[in-house]
């Protein structure tokens, strides 16, 4: 599966369902973003069960603001509608693969319990 363009119109629908969604916040003028793009694309072809989304922060400024994106590229991992990772900086391919493995291994019941405890 190739990458999917995420916009304000489809972001909540794409990230709110069960499964893993990786989001690459990027812009056309960003050199590190352009260097990271082929790494992200290769990973999307390896992991057919994961949605690899891209948010153009120039075209989708509302999404950049909503998630307080201050540096690009920023990689966000969402599993079962819960943001479980967000970090600025282009990742080397091995680090991106490691991130995917960690997100796949999460016990989401435990994550939800921890989130509930922090809200009290």
PDB file of N, CA and C in Angstrom:
ATOM      1  N   UNK A   1       0.854  -1.190   0.000  1.00  0.00           N
ATOM      2  CA  UNK A   1       0.000   0.000   0.000  1.00  0.00           C
ATOM      3  C   UNK A   1       0.890   1.239   0.000  1.00  0.00           C
ATOM      4  N   UNK A   2       0.649   2.112  -0.932  1.00  0.00           N
ATOM      5  CA  UNK A   2       1.406   3.356  -0.992  1.00  0.00           C
ATOM      6  C   UNK A   2       0.881   4.314   0.072  1.00  0.00           C
ATOM      7  N   UNK A   3       1.532   5.442   0.179  1.00  0.00           N
ATOM      8  CA  UNK A   3       1.110   6.414   1.179  1.00  0.00           C
ATOM      9  C   UNK A   3      -0.213   7.068   0.782  1.00  0.00           C
ATOM     10  N   UNK A   4      -0.927   7.550   1.799  1.00  0.00           N
ATOM     11  CA  UNK A   4      -2.229   8.175   1.619  1.00  0.00           C
ATOM     12  C   UNK A   4      -2.120   9.632   2.055  1.00  0.00           C
ATOM     13  N   UNK A   5      -2.645  10.544   1.238  1.00  0.00           N
ATOM     14  CA  UNK A   5      -2.651  11.952   1.627  1.00  0.00           C
ATOM     15  C   UNK A   5      -3.736  12.165   2.679  1.00  0.00           C
ATOM     16  N   UNK A   6      -3.339  12.726   3.815  1.00  0.00           N
ATOM     17  CA  UNK A   6      -4.302  13.014   4.879  1.00  0.00           C
ATOM     18  C   UNK A   6      -4.602  14.505   4.875  1.00  0.00           C
ATOM     19  N   UNK A   7      -5.892  14.812   4.990  1.00  0.00           N
ATOM     20  CA  UNK A   7      -6.351  16.202   4.990  1.00  0.00           C
ATOM     21  C   UNK A   7      -7.301  16.392   6.169  1.00  0.00           C
ATOM     22  N   UNK A   8      -7.712  17.628   6.386  1.00  0.00           N
ATOM     23  CA  UNK A   8      -8.686  17.875   7.454  1.00  0.00           C
ATOM     24  C   UNK A   8      -9.972  17.098   7.177  1.00  0.00           C
ATOM     25  N   UNK A   9     -10.273  16.845   5.903  1.00  0.00           N
ATOM     26  CA  UNK A   9     -11.508  16.146   5.538  1.00  0.00           C
ATOM     27  C   UNK A   9     -11.462  14.654   5.882  1.00  0.00           C
ATOM     28  N   UNK A  10     -10.283  14.008   5.790  1.00  0.00           N
ATOM     29  CA  UNK A  10     -10.251  12.557   5.991  1.00  0.00           C
ATOM     30  C   UNK A  10      -9.397  12.103   7.185  1.00  0.00           C
ATOM     31  N   UNK A  11      -8.736  13.020   7.880  1.00  0.00           N
ATOM     32  CA  UNK A  11      -7.808  12.644   8.945  1.00  0.00           C
ATOM     33  C   UNK A  11      -8.489  11.836  10.046  1.00  0.00           C
ATOM     34  N   UNK A  12      -9.570  12.353  10.612  1.00  0.00           N
ATOM     35  CA  UNK A  12     -10.239  11.662  11.725  1.00  0.00           C
ATOM     36  C   UNK A  12     -10.765  10.297  11.299  1.00  0.00           C
ATOM     37  N   UNK A  13     -11.303  10.217  10.087  1.00  0.00           N
ATOM     38  CA  UNK A  13     -11.825   8.944   9.583  1.00  0.00           C
ATOM     39  C   UNK A  13     -10.689   7.920   9.440  1.00  0.00           C
ATOM     40  N   UNK A  14      -9.557   8.349   8.895  1.00  0.00           N
ATOM     41  CA  UNK A  14      -8.436   7.433   8.646  1.00  0.00           C
ATOM     42  C   UNK A  14      -7.725   7.015   9.936  1.00  0.00           C
ATOM     43  N   UNK A  15      -7.663   7.907  10.922  1.00  0.00           N
ATOM     44  CA  UNK A  15      -6.889   7.619  12.137  1.00  0.00           C
ATOM     45  C   UNK A  15      -7.753   7.129  13.290  1.00  0.00           C
ATOM     46  N   UNK A  16      -9.065   7.187  13.158  1.00  0.00           N
ATOM     47  CA  UNK A  16      -9.944   6.836  14.261  1.00  0.00           C
ATOM     48  C   UNK A  16     -10.361   5.385  14.326  1.00  0.00           C
ATOM     49  N   UNK A  17      -9.949   4.598  13.339  1.00  0.00           N
ATOM     50  CA  UNK A  17     -10.391   3.200  13.322  1.00  0.00           C
ATOM     51  C   UNK A  17      -9.322   2.286  13.904  1.00  0.00           C
ATOM     52  N   UNK A  18      -9.675   1.016  14.081  1.00  0.00           N
ATOM     53  CA  UNK A  18      -8.727   0.043  14.615  1.00  0.00           C
ATOM     54  C   UNK A  18      -7.578  -0.160  13.634  1.00  0.00           C
ATOM     55  N   UNK A  19      -6.419  -0.474  14.204  1.00  0.00           N
ATOM     56  CA  UNK A  19      -5.243  -0.700  13.381  1.00  0.00           C
ATOM     57  C   UNK A  19      -4.214   0.393  13.606  1.00  0.00           C
ATOM     58  N   UNK A  20      -3.150   0.328  12.825  1.00  0.00           N
ATOM     59  CA  UNK A  20      -2.041   1.266  12.970  1.00  0.00           C
ATOM     60  C   UNK A  20      -2.022   2.235  11.800  1.00  0.00           C
ATOM     61  N   UNK A  21      -1.858   3.501  12.141  1.00  0.00           N
ATOM     62  CA  UNK A  21      -1.688   4.548  11.135  1.00  0.00           C
ATOM     63  C   UNK A  21      -0.422   5.308  11.505  1.00  0.00           C
ATOM     64  N   UNK A  22       0.504   5.390  10.571  1.00  0.00           N
ATOM     65  CA  UNK A  22       1.672   6.254  10.743  1.00  0.00           C
ATOM     66  C   UNK A  22       1.409   7.530   9.958  1.00  0.00           C
ATOM     67  N   UNK A  23       1.786   8.650  10.534  1.00  0.00           N
ATOM     68  CA  UNK A  23       1.559   9.939   9.886  1.00  0.00           C
ATOM     69  C   UNK A  23       2.892  10.671   9.776  1.00  0.00           C
ATOM     70  N   UNK A  24       3.198  11.099   8.566  1.00  0.00           N
ATOM     71  CA  UNK A  24       4.391  11.891   8.285  1.00  0.00           C
ATOM     72  C   UNK A  24       3.930  13.315   8.010  1.00  0.00           C
ATOM     73  N   UNK A  25       4.242  14.230   8.944  1.00  0.00           N
ATOM     74  CA  UNK A  25       3.969  15.650   8.729  1.00  0.00           C
ATOM     75  C   UNK A  25       5.176  16.217   7.977  1.00  0.00           C
ATOM     76  N   UNK A  26       4.962  16.799   6.798  1.00  0.00           N
ATOM     77  CA  UNK A  26       6.049  17.221   5.934  1.00  0.00           C
ATOM     78  C   UNK A  26       5.669  18.485   5.173  1.00  0.00           C
ATOM     79  N   UNK A  27       6.613  19.030   4.433  1.00  0.00           N
ATOM     80  CA  UNK A  27       6.344  20.143   3.510  1.00  0.00           C
ATOM     81  C   UNK A  27       7.302  20.020   2.330  1.00  0.00           C
ATOM     82  N   UNK A  28       6.888  20.551   1.202  1.00  0.00           N
ATOM     83  CA  UNK A  28       7.659  20.442  -0.032  1.00  0.00           C
ATOM     84  C   UNK A  28       9.017  21.138   0.061  1.00  0.00           C
ATOM     85  N   UNK A  29       9.105  22.208   0.814  1.00  0.00           N
ATOM     86  CA  UNK A  29      10.355  22.983   0.928  1.00  0.00           C
ATOM     87  C   UNK A  29      11.348  22.377   1.909  1.00  0.00           C
ATOM     88  N   UNK A  30      10.965  21.320   2.614  1.00  0.00           N
ATOM     89  CA  UNK A  30      11.766  20.746   3.696  1.00  0.00           C
ATOM     90  C   UNK A  30      12.724  19.673   3.158  1.00  0.00           C
ATOM     91  N   UNK A  31      14.023  19.968   3.187  1.00  0.00           N
ATOM     92  CA  UNK A  31      15.029  19.018   2.706  1.00  0.00           C
ATOM     93  C   UNK A  31      15.001  17.683   3.428  1.00  0.00           C
ATOM     94  N   UNK A  32      15.028  17.679   4.786  1.00  0.00           N
ATOM     95  CA  UNK A  32      14.976  16.396   5.500  1.00  0.00           C
ATOM     96  C   UNK A  32      13.700  15.602   5.176  1.00  0.00           C
ATOM     97  N   UNK A  33      12.594  16.318   4.939  1.00  0.00           N
ATOM     98  CA  UNK A  33      11.339  15.637   4.574  1.00  0.00           C
ATOM     99  C   UNK A  33      11.508  14.893   3.247  1.00  0.00           C
ATOM    100  N   UNK A  34      12.143  15.556   2.288  1.00  0.00           N
ATOM    101  CA  UNK A  34      12.330  14.940   0.970  1.00  0.00           C
ATOM    102  C   UNK A  34      13.269  13.741   1.049  1.00  0.00           C
ATOM    103  N   UNK A  35      14.270  13.823   1.924  1.00  0.00           N
ATOM    104  CA  UNK A  35      15.188  12.689   2.076  1.00  0.00           C
ATOM    105  C   UNK A  35      14.508  11.524   2.801  1.00  0.00           C
ATOM    106  N   UNK A  36      13.576  11.824   3.684  1.00  0.00           N
ATOM    107  CA  UNK A  36      12.866  10.783   4.432  1.00  0.00           C
ATOM    108  C   UNK A  36      11.778  10.104   3.583  1.00  0.00           C
ATOM    109  N   UNK A  37      11.236  10.806   2.613  1.00  0.00           N
ATOM    110  CA  UNK A  37      10.101  10.301   1.826  1.00  0.00           C
ATOM    111  C   UNK A  37      10.341   8.917   1.222  1.00  0.00           C
ATOM    112  N   UNK A  38      11.501   8.632   0.595  1.00  0.00           N
ATOM    113  CA  UNK A  38      11.697   7.289   0.029  1.00  0.00           C
ATOM    114  C   UNK A  38      11.762   6.192   1.098  1.00  0.00           C
ATOM    115  N   UNK A  39      12.308   6.512   2.275  1.00  0.00           N
ATOM    116  CA  UNK A  39      12.360   5.561   3.394  1.00  0.00           C
ATOM    117  C   UNK A  39      10.933   5.210   3.810  1.00  0.00           C
ATOM    118  N   UNK A  40      10.103   6.245   3.958  1.00  0.00           N
ATOM    119  CA  UNK A  40       8.704   6.078   4.368  1.00  0.00           C
ATOM    120  C   UNK A  40       7.943   5.268   3.325  1.00  0.00           C
ATOM    121  N   UNK A  41       8.180   5.574   2.063  1.00  0.00           N
ATOM    122  CA  UNK A  41       7.507   4.878   0.964  1.00  0.00           C
ATOM    123  C   UNK A  41       7.891   3.391   0.942  1.00  0.00           C
ATOM    124  N   UNK A  42       9.185   3.088   1.103  1.00  0.00           N
ATOM    125  CA  UNK A  42       9.632   1.685   1.124  1.00  0.00           C
ATOM    126  C   UNK A  42       8.978   0.935   2.274  1.00  0.00           C
ATOM    127  N   UNK A  43       8.899   1.578   3.415  1.00  0.00           N
ATOM    128  CA  UNK A  43       8.293   0.937   4.581  1.00  0.00           C
ATOM    129  C   UNK A  43       6.805   0.678   4.326  1.00  0.00           C
ATOM    130  N   UNK A  44       6.143   1.615   3.652  1.00  0.00           N
ATOM    131  CA  UNK A  44       4.706   1.437   3.365  1.00  0.00           C
ATOM    132  C   UNK A  44       4.475   0.225   2.472  1.00  0.00           C
ATOM    133  N   UNK A  45       5.442  -0.066   1.601  1.00  0.00           N
ATOM    134  CA  UNK A  45       5.295  -1.223   0.715  1.00  0.00           C
ATOM    135  C   UNK A  45       5.541  -2.534   1.463  1.00  0.00           C
ATOM    136  N   UNK A  46       6.360  -2.490   2.506  1.00  0.00           N
ATOM    137  CA  UNK A  46       6.655  -3.682   3.312  1.00  0.00           C
ATOM    138  C   UNK A  46       5.520  -4.031   4.264  1.00  0.00           C
ATOM    139  N   UNK A  47       4.819  -3.020   4.746  1.00  0.00           N
ATOM    140  CA  UNK A  47       3.800  -3.210   5.797  1.00  0.00           C
ATOM    141  C   UNK A  47       2.412  -2.891   5.238  1.00  0.00           C
ATOM    142  N   UNK A  48       1.866  -3.851   4.510  1.00  0.00           N
ATOM    143  CA  UNK A  48       0.576  -3.651   3.848  1.00  0.00           C
ATOM    144  C   UNK A  48      -0.582  -3.472   4.831  1.00  0.00           C
ATOM    145  N   UNK A  49      -0.401  -3.932   6.071  1.00  0.00           N
ATOM    146  CA  UNK A  49      -1.478  -3.877   7.066  1.00  0.00           C
ATOM    147  C   UNK A  49      -1.520  -2.537   7.809  1.00  0.00           C
ATOM    148  N   UNK A  50      -0.591  -1.643   7.499  1.00  0.00           N
ATOM    149  CA  UNK A  50      -0.511  -0.352   8.178  1.00  0.00           C
ATOM    150  C   UNK A  50      -0.833   0.750   7.177  1.00  0.00           C
ATOM    151  N   UNK A  51      -1.584   1.763   7.627  1.00  0.00           N
ATOM    152  CA  UNK A  51      -1.844   2.927   6.788  1.00  0.00           C
ATOM    153  C   UNK A  51      -0.689   3.913   6.992  1.00  0.00           C
ATOM    154  N   UNK A  52      -0.065   4.302   5.915  1.00  0.00           N
ATOM    155  CA  UNK A  52       1.006   5.299   5.942  1.00  0.00           C
ATOM    156  C   UNK A  52       0.445   6.588   5.362  1.00  0.00           C
ATOM    157  N   UNK A  53       0.157   7.543   6.243  1.00  0.00           N
ATOM    158  CA  UNK A  53      -0.423   8.806   5.812  1.00  0.00           C
ATOM    159  C   UNK A  53       0.618   9.905   5.770  1.00  0.00           C
ATOM    160  N   UNK A  54       0.355  10.884   4.917  1.00  0.00           N
ATOM    161  CA  UNK A  54       1.231  12.045   4.821  1.00  0.00           C
ATOM    162  C   UNK A  54       0.371  13.302   4.936  1.00  0.00           C
ATOM    163  N   UNK A  55       0.831  14.239   5.776  1.00  0.00           N
ATOM    164  CA  UNK A  55       0.141  15.515   5.930  1.00  0.00           C
ATOM    165  C   UNK A  55       1.083  16.609   5.438  1.00  0.00           C
ATOM    166  N   UNK A  56       0.689  17.264   4.350  1.00  0.00           N
ATOM    167  CA  UNK A  56       1.437  18.416   3.842  1.00  0.00           C
ATOM    168  C   UNK A  56       1.087  19.605   4.744  1.00  0.00           C
ATOM    169  N   UNK A  57       2.033  20.002   5.588  1.00  0.00           N
ATOM    170  CA  UNK A  57       1.745  21.039   6.587  1.00  0.00           C
ATOM    171  C   UNK A  57       1.479  22.408   5.969  1.00  0.00           C
ATOM    172  N   UNK A  58       1.883  22.606   4.728  1.00  0.00           N
ATOM    173  CA  UNK A  58       1.575  23.871   4.045  1.00  0.00           C
ATOM    174  C   UNK A  58       0.112  23.881   3.608  1.00  0.00           C
ATOM    175  N   UNK A  59      -0.338  22.783   3.039  1.00  0.00           N
ATOM    176  CA  UNK A  59      -1.715  22.693   2.544  1.00  0.00           C
ATOM    177  C   UNK A  59      -2.710  22.426   3.666  1.00  0.00           C
ATOM    178  N   UNK A  60      -2.246  21.782   4.748  1.00  0.00           N
ATOM    179  CA  UNK A  60      -3.140  21.378   5.843  1.00  0.00           C
ATOM    180  C   UNK A  60      -2.689  22.037   7.149  1.00  0.00           C
ATOM    181  N   UNK A  61      -2.655  23.363   7.146  1.00  0.00           N
ATOM    182  CA  UNK A  61      -2.150  24.097   8.305  1.00  0.00           C
ATOM    183  C   UNK A  61      -2.972  23.843   9.565  1.00  0.00           C
ATOM    184  N   UNK A  62      -4.272  23.589   9.407  1.00  0.00           N
ATOM    185  CA  UNK A  62      -5.124  23.287  10.568  1.00  0.00           C
ATOM    186  C   UNK A  62      -4.644  22.032  11.300  1.00  0.00           C
ATOM    187  N   UNK A  63      -4.259  21.002  10.543  1.00  0.00           N
ATOM    188  CA  UNK A  63      -3.782  19.762  11.166  1.00  0.00           C
ATOM    189  C   UNK A  63      -2.444  19.986  11.860  1.00  0.00           C
ATOM    190  N   UNK A  64      -1.564  20.754  11.232  1.00  0.00           N
ATOM    191  CA  UNK A  64      -0.292  21.082  11.868  1.00  0.00           C
ATOM    192  C   UNK A  64      -0.511  21.796  13.185  1.00  0.00           C
ATOM    193  N   UNK A  65      -1.460  22.728  13.200  1.00  0.00           N
ATOM    194  CA  UNK A  65      -1.760  23.480  14.425  1.00  0.00           C
ATOM    195  C   UNK A  65      -2.427  22.579  15.467  1.00  0.00           C
ATOM    196  N   UNK A  66      -3.357  21.751  15.024  1.00  0.00           N
ATOM    197  CA  UNK A  66      -4.084  20.871  15.950  1.00  0.00           C
ATOM    198  C   UNK A  66      -3.126  19.983  16.745  1.00  0.00           C
ATOM    199  N   UNK A  67      -2.070  19.505  16.089  1.00  0.00           N
ATOM    200  CA  UNK A  67      -1.124  18.599  16.748  1.00  0.00           C
ATOM    201  C   UNK A  67       0.162  19.315  17.178  1.00  0.00           C
ATOM    202  N   UNK A  68       0.125  20.649  17.123  1.00  0.00           N
ATOM    203  CA  UNK A  68       1.244  21.468  17.597  1.00  0.00           C
ATOM    204  C   UNK A  68       2.558  21.048  16.938  1.00  0.00           C
ATOM    205  N   UNK A  69       2.511  20.877  15.618  1.00  0.00           N
ATOM    206  CA  UNK A  69       3.708  20.488  14.870  1.00  0.00           C
ATOM    207  C   UNK A  69       4.586  21.727  14.709  1.00  0.00           C
ATOM    208  N   UNK A  70       5.755  21.692  15.314  1.00  0.00           N
ATOM    209  CA  UNK A  70       6.676  22.830  15.280  1.00  0.00           C
ATOM    210  C   UNK A  70       7.916  22.551  14.444  1.00  0.00           C
ATOM    211  N   UNK A  71       8.153  21.288  14.127  1.00  0.00           N
ATOM    212  CA  UNK A  71       9.336  20.895  13.380  1.00  0.00           C
ATOM    213  C   UNK A  71       8.939  19.760  12.449  1.00  0.00           C
ATOM    214  N   UNK A  72       9.441  19.821  11.218  1.00  0.00           N
ATOM    215  CA  UNK A  72       9.130  18.744  10.281  1.00  0.00           C
ATOM    216  C   UNK A  72      10.426  18.194   9.716  1.00  0.00           C
ATOM    217  N   UNK A  73      10.444  16.936   9.346  1.00  0.00           N
ATOM    218  CA  UNK A  73       9.312  16.028   9.453  1.00  0.00           C
ATOM    219  C   UNK A  73       9.028  15.649  10.911  1.00  0.00           C
ATOM    220  N   UNK A  74       7.773  15.390  11.197  1.00  0.00           N
ATOM    221  CA  UNK A  74       7.368  14.802  12.470  1.00  0.00           C
ATOM    222  C   UNK A  74       6.636  13.513  12.141  1.00  0.00           C
ATOM    223  N   UNK A  75       7.008  12.450  12.850  1.00  0.00           N
ATOM    224  CA  UNK A  75       6.363  11.149  12.660  1.00  0.00           C
ATOM    225  C   UNK A  75       5.440  10.895  13.845  1.00  0.00           C
ATOM    226  N   UNK A  76       4.224  10.510  13.543  1.00  0.00           N
ATOM    227  CA  UNK A  76       3.239  10.185  14.580  1.00  0.00           C
ATOM    228  C   UNK A  76       2.735   8.768  14.323  1.00  0.00           C
ATOM    229  N   UNK A  77       2.585   7.998  15.393  1.00  0.00           N
ATOM    230  CA  UNK A  77       2.010   6.654  15.281  1.00  0.00           C
ATOM    231  C   UNK A  77       0.702   6.643  16.059  1.00  0.00           C
ATOM    232  N   UNK A  78      -0.344   6.165  15.401  1.00  0.00           N
ATOM    233  CA  UNK A  78      -1.670   6.073  16.015  1.00  0.00           C
ATOM    234  C   UNK A  78      -2.100   4.614  15.922  1.00  0.00           C
ATOM    235  N   UNK A  79      -2.521   4.066  17.055  1.00  0.00           N
ATOM    236  CA  UNK A  79      -3.018   2.685  17.039  1.00  0.00           C
ATOM    237  C   UNK A  79      -4.389   2.661  17.683  1.00  0.00           C
ATOM    238  N   UNK A  80      -5.336   2.091  16.984  1.00  0.00           N
ATOM    239  CA  UNK A  80      -6.719   1.981  17.462  1.00  0.00           C
ATOM    240  C   UNK A  80      -7.247   3.346  17.904  1.00  0.00           C
ATOM    241  N   UNK A  81      -6.894   4.389  17.153  1.00  0.00           N
ATOM    242  CA  UNK A  81      -7.397   5.736  17.433  1.00  0.00           C
ATOM    243  C   UNK A  81      -6.655   6.480  18.526  1.00  0.00           C
ATOM    244  N   UNK A  82      -5.587   5.900  19.084  1.00  0.00           N
ATOM    245  CA  UNK A  82      -4.833   6.518  20.178  1.00  0.00           C
ATOM    246  C   UNK A  82      -3.438   6.889  19.673  1.00  0.00           C
ATOM    247  N   UNK A  83      -3.030   8.143  19.876  1.00  0.00           N
ATOM    248  CA  UNK A  83      -1.671   8.547  19.511  1.00  0.00           C
ATOM    249  C   UNK A  83      -0.720   7.910  20.513  1.00  0.00           C
ATOM    250  N   UNK A  84       0.170   7.048  20.026  1.00  0.00           N
ATOM    251  CA  UNK A  84       1.085   6.331  20.911  1.00  0.00           C
ATOM    252  C   UNK A  84       2.534   6.785  20.737  1.00  0.00           C
ATOM    253  N   UNK A  85       2.796   7.633  19.730  1.00  0.00           N
ATOM    254  CA  UNK A  85       4.149   8.117  19.500  1.00  0.00           C
ATOM    255  C   UNK A  85       4.068   9.360  18.628  1.00  0.00           C
ATOM    256  N   UNK A  86       4.881  10.355  18.936  1.00  0.00           N
ATOM    257  CA  UNK A  86       5.029  11.529  18.073  1.00  0.00           C
ATOM    258  C   UNK A  86       6.398  12.127  18.356  1.00  0.00           C
ATOM    259  N   UNK A  87       7.180  12.309  17.291  1.00  0.00           N
ATOM    260  CA  UNK A  87       8.527  12.826  17.468  1.00  0.00           C
ATOM    261  C   UNK A  87       8.980  13.522  16.189  1.00  0.00           C
ATOM    262  N   UNK A  88       9.547  14.715  16.333  1.00  0.00           N
ATOM    263  CA  UNK A  88      10.099  15.365  15.148  1.00  0.00           C
ATOM    264  C   UNK A  88      11.414  14.713  14.730  1.00  0.00           C
ATOM    265  N   UNK A  89      11.710  14.837  13.456  1.00  0.00           N
ATOM    266  CA  UNK A  89      12.980  14.341  12.926  1.00  0.00           C
ATOM    267  C   UNK A  89      12.776  13.164  11.996  1.00  0.00           C
ATOM    268  N   UNK A  90      13.554  13.157  10.933  1.00  0.00           N
ATOM    269  CA  UNK A  90      13.523  12.032   9.992  1.00  0.00           C
ATOM    270  C   UNK A  90      14.174  10.828  10.660  1.00  0.00           C
ATOM    271  N   UNK A  91      13.564   9.682  10.526  1.00  0.00           N
ATOM    272  CA  UNK A  91      14.103   8.457  11.112  1.00  0.00           C
ATOM    273  C   UNK A  91      14.863   7.670  10.054  1.00  0.00           C
ATOM    274  N   UNK A  92      16.008   7.081  10.434  1.00  0.00           N
ATOM    275  CA  UNK A  92      16.628   6.131   9.514  1.00  0.00           C
ATOM    276  C   UNK A  92      15.697   4.925   9.350  1.00  0.00           C
ATOM    277  N   UNK A  93      15.866   4.197   8.275  1.00  0.00           N
ATOM    278  CA  UNK A  93      14.959   3.076   7.989  1.00  0.00           C
ATOM    279  C   UNK A  93      14.900   2.080   9.142  1.00  0.00           C
ATOM    280  N   UNK A  94      16.044   1.774   9.755  1.00  0.00           N
ATOM    281  CA  UNK A  94      16.059   0.808  10.860  1.00  0.00           C
ATOM    282  C   UNK A  94      15.251   1.328  12.052  1.00  0.00           C
ATOM    283  N   UNK A  95      15.317   2.617  12.323  1.00  0.00           N
ATOM    284  CA  UNK A  95      14.556   3.190  13.445  1.00  0.00           C
ATOM    285  C   UNK A  95      13.061   3.186  13.141  1.00  0.00           C
ATOM    286  N   UNK A  96      12.686   3.449  11.893  1.00  0.00           N
ATOM    287  CA  UNK A  96      11.273   3.405  11.507  1.00  0.00           C
ATOM    288  C   UNK A  96      10.743   1.977  11.656  1.00  0.00           C
ATOM    289  N   UNK A  97      11.516   1.001  11.234  1.00  0.00           N
ATOM    290  CA  UNK A  97      11.107  -0.405  11.378  1.00  0.00           C
ATOM    291  C   UNK A  97      10.974  -0.766  12.860  1.00  0.00           C
ATOM    292  N   UNK A  98      11.897  -0.287  13.680  1.00  0.00           N
ATOM    293  CA  UNK A  98      11.849  -0.542  15.117  1.00  0.00           C
ATOM    294  C   UNK A  98      10.599   0.085  15.729  1.00  0.00           C
ATOM    295  N   UNK A  99      10.272   1.303  15.322  1.00  0.00           N
ATOM    296  CA  UNK A  99       9.066   1.972  15.802  1.00  0.00           C
ATOM    297  C   UNK A  99       7.831   1.139  15.452  1.00  0.00           C
ATOM    298  N   UNK A 100       7.762   0.653  14.224  1.00  0.00           N
ATOM    299  CA  UNK A 100       6.618  -0.151  13.787  1.00  0.00           C
ATOM    300  C   UNK A 100       6.494  -1.404  14.656  1.00  0.00           C
ATOM    301  N   UNK A 101       7.616  -2.073  14.912  1.00  0.00           N
ATOM    302  CA  UNK A 101       7.589  -3.274  15.759  1.00  0.00           C
ATOM    303  C   UNK A 101       7.072  -2.943  17.159  1.00  0.00           C
ATOM    304  N   UNK A 102       7.530  -1.826  17.718  1.00  0.00           N
ATOM    305  CA  UNK A 102       7.093  -1.448  19.061  1.00  0.00           C
ATOM    306  C   UNK A 102       5.602  -1.133  19.095  1.00  0.00           C
ATOM    307  N   UNK A 103       5.107  -0.426  18.085  1.00  0.00           N
ATOM    308  CA  UNK A 103       3.678  -0.080  18.041  1.00  0.00           C
ATOM    309  C   UNK A 103       2.840  -1.349  17.869  1.00  0.00           C
ATOM    310  N   UNK A 104       3.312  -2.284  17.038  1.00  0.00           N
ATOM    311  CA  UNK A 104       2.591  -3.548  16.844  1.00  0.00           C
ATOM    312  C   UNK A 104       2.543  -4.356  18.134  1.00  0.00           C
ATOM    313  N   UNK A 105       3.566  -4.256  18.965  1.00  0.00           N
ATOM    314  CA  UNK A 105       3.661  -5.061  20.187  1.00  0.00           C
ATOM    315  C   UNK A 105       2.901  -4.466  21.375  1.00  0.00           C
ATOM    316  N   UNK A 106       2.390  -3.251  21.231  1.00  0.00           N
ATOM    317  CA  UNK A 106       1.699  -2.611  22.358  1.00  0.00           C
ATOM    318  C   UNK A 106       0.480  -3.399  22.808  1.00  0.00           C
ATOM    319  N   UNK A 107       0.273  -3.435  24.113  1.00  0.00           N
ATOM    320  CA  UNK A 107      -0.957  -3.968  24.692  1.00  0.00           C
ATOM    321  C   UNK A 107      -1.910  -2.782  24.818  1.00  0.00           C
ATOM    322  N   UNK A 108      -2.845  -2.673  23.892  1.00  0.00           N
ATOM    323  CA  UNK A 108      -3.695  -1.480  23.852  1.00  0.00           C
ATOM    324  C   UNK A 108      -4.631  -1.381  25.050  1.00  0.00           C
ATOM    325  N   UNK A 109      -5.003  -2.497  25.651  1.00  0.00           N
ATOM    326  CA  UNK A 109      -5.804  -2.430  26.881  1.00  0.00           C
ATOM    327  C   UNK A 109      -5.004  -1.743  27.979  1.00  0.00           C
ATOM    328  N   UNK A 110      -3.720  -2.067  28.061  1.00  0.00           N
ATOM    329  CA  UNK A 110      -2.839  -1.442  29.045  1.00  0.00           C
ATOM    330  C   UNK A 110      -2.666   0.050  28.736  1.00  0.00           C
ATOM    331  N   UNK A 111      -2.500   0.384  27.479  1.00  0.00           N
ATOM    332  CA  UNK A 111      -2.351   1.791  27.083  1.00  0.00           C
ATOM    333  C   UNK A 111      -3.594   2.587  27.477  1.00  0.00           C
ATOM    334  N   UNK A 112      -4.787   2.044  27.184  1.00  0.00           N
ATOM    335  CA  UNK A 112      -6.032   2.748  27.528  1.00  0.00           C
ATOM    336  C   UNK A 112      -6.178   2.911  29.045  1.00  0.00           C
ATOM    337  N   UNK A 113      -5.777   1.868  29.798  1.00  0.00           N
ATOM    338  CA  UNK A 113      -5.849   1.931  31.263  1.00  0.00           C
ATOM    339  C   UNK A 113      -4.926   3.049  31.767  1.00  0.00           C
ATOM    340  N   UNK A 114      -3.719   3.111  31.232  1.00  0.00           N
ATOM    341  CA  UNK A 114      -2.775   4.147  31.652  1.00  0.00           C
ATOM    342  C   UNK A 114      -3.298   5.540  31.304  1.00  0.00           C
ATOM    343  N   UNK A 115      -3.899   5.674  30.129  1.00  0.00           N
ATOM    344  CA  UNK A 115      -4.472   6.964  29.746  1.00  0.00           C
ATOM    345  C   UNK A 115      -5.589   7.366  30.699  1.00  0.00           C
ATOM    346  N   UNK A 116      -6.434   6.416  31.058  1.00  0.00           N
ATOM    347  CA  UNK A 116      -7.551   6.685  31.972  1.00  0.00           C
ATOM    348  C   UNK A 116      -7.017   7.120  33.335  1.00  0.00           C
ATOM    349  N   UNK A 117      -5.955   6.489  33.803  1.00  0.00           N
ATOM    350  CA  UNK A 117      -5.372   6.852  35.093  1.00  0.00           C
ATOM    351  C   UNK A 117      -4.807   8.279  35.078  1.00  0.00           C
ATOM    352  N   UNK A 118      -4.255   8.682  33.968  1.00  0.00           N
ATOM    353  CA  UNK A 118      -3.688  10.034  33.860  1.00  0.00           C
ATOM    354  C   UNK A 118      -4.753  11.120  33.785  1.00  0.00           C
ATOM    355  N   UNK A 119      -5.948  10.755  33.395  1.00  0.00           N
ATOM    356  CA  UNK A 119      -7.026  11.742  33.294  1.00  0.00           C
ATOM    357  C   UNK A 119      -7.647  12.062  34.640  1.00  0.00           C
ATOM    358  N   UNK A 120      -7.403  11.246  35.650  1.00  0.00           N
ATOM    359  CA  UNK A 120      -8.020  11.447  36.961  1.00  0.00           C
ATOM    360  C   UNK A 120      -7.182  12.330  37.835  1.00  0.00           C
TER     361      UNK A 120
END
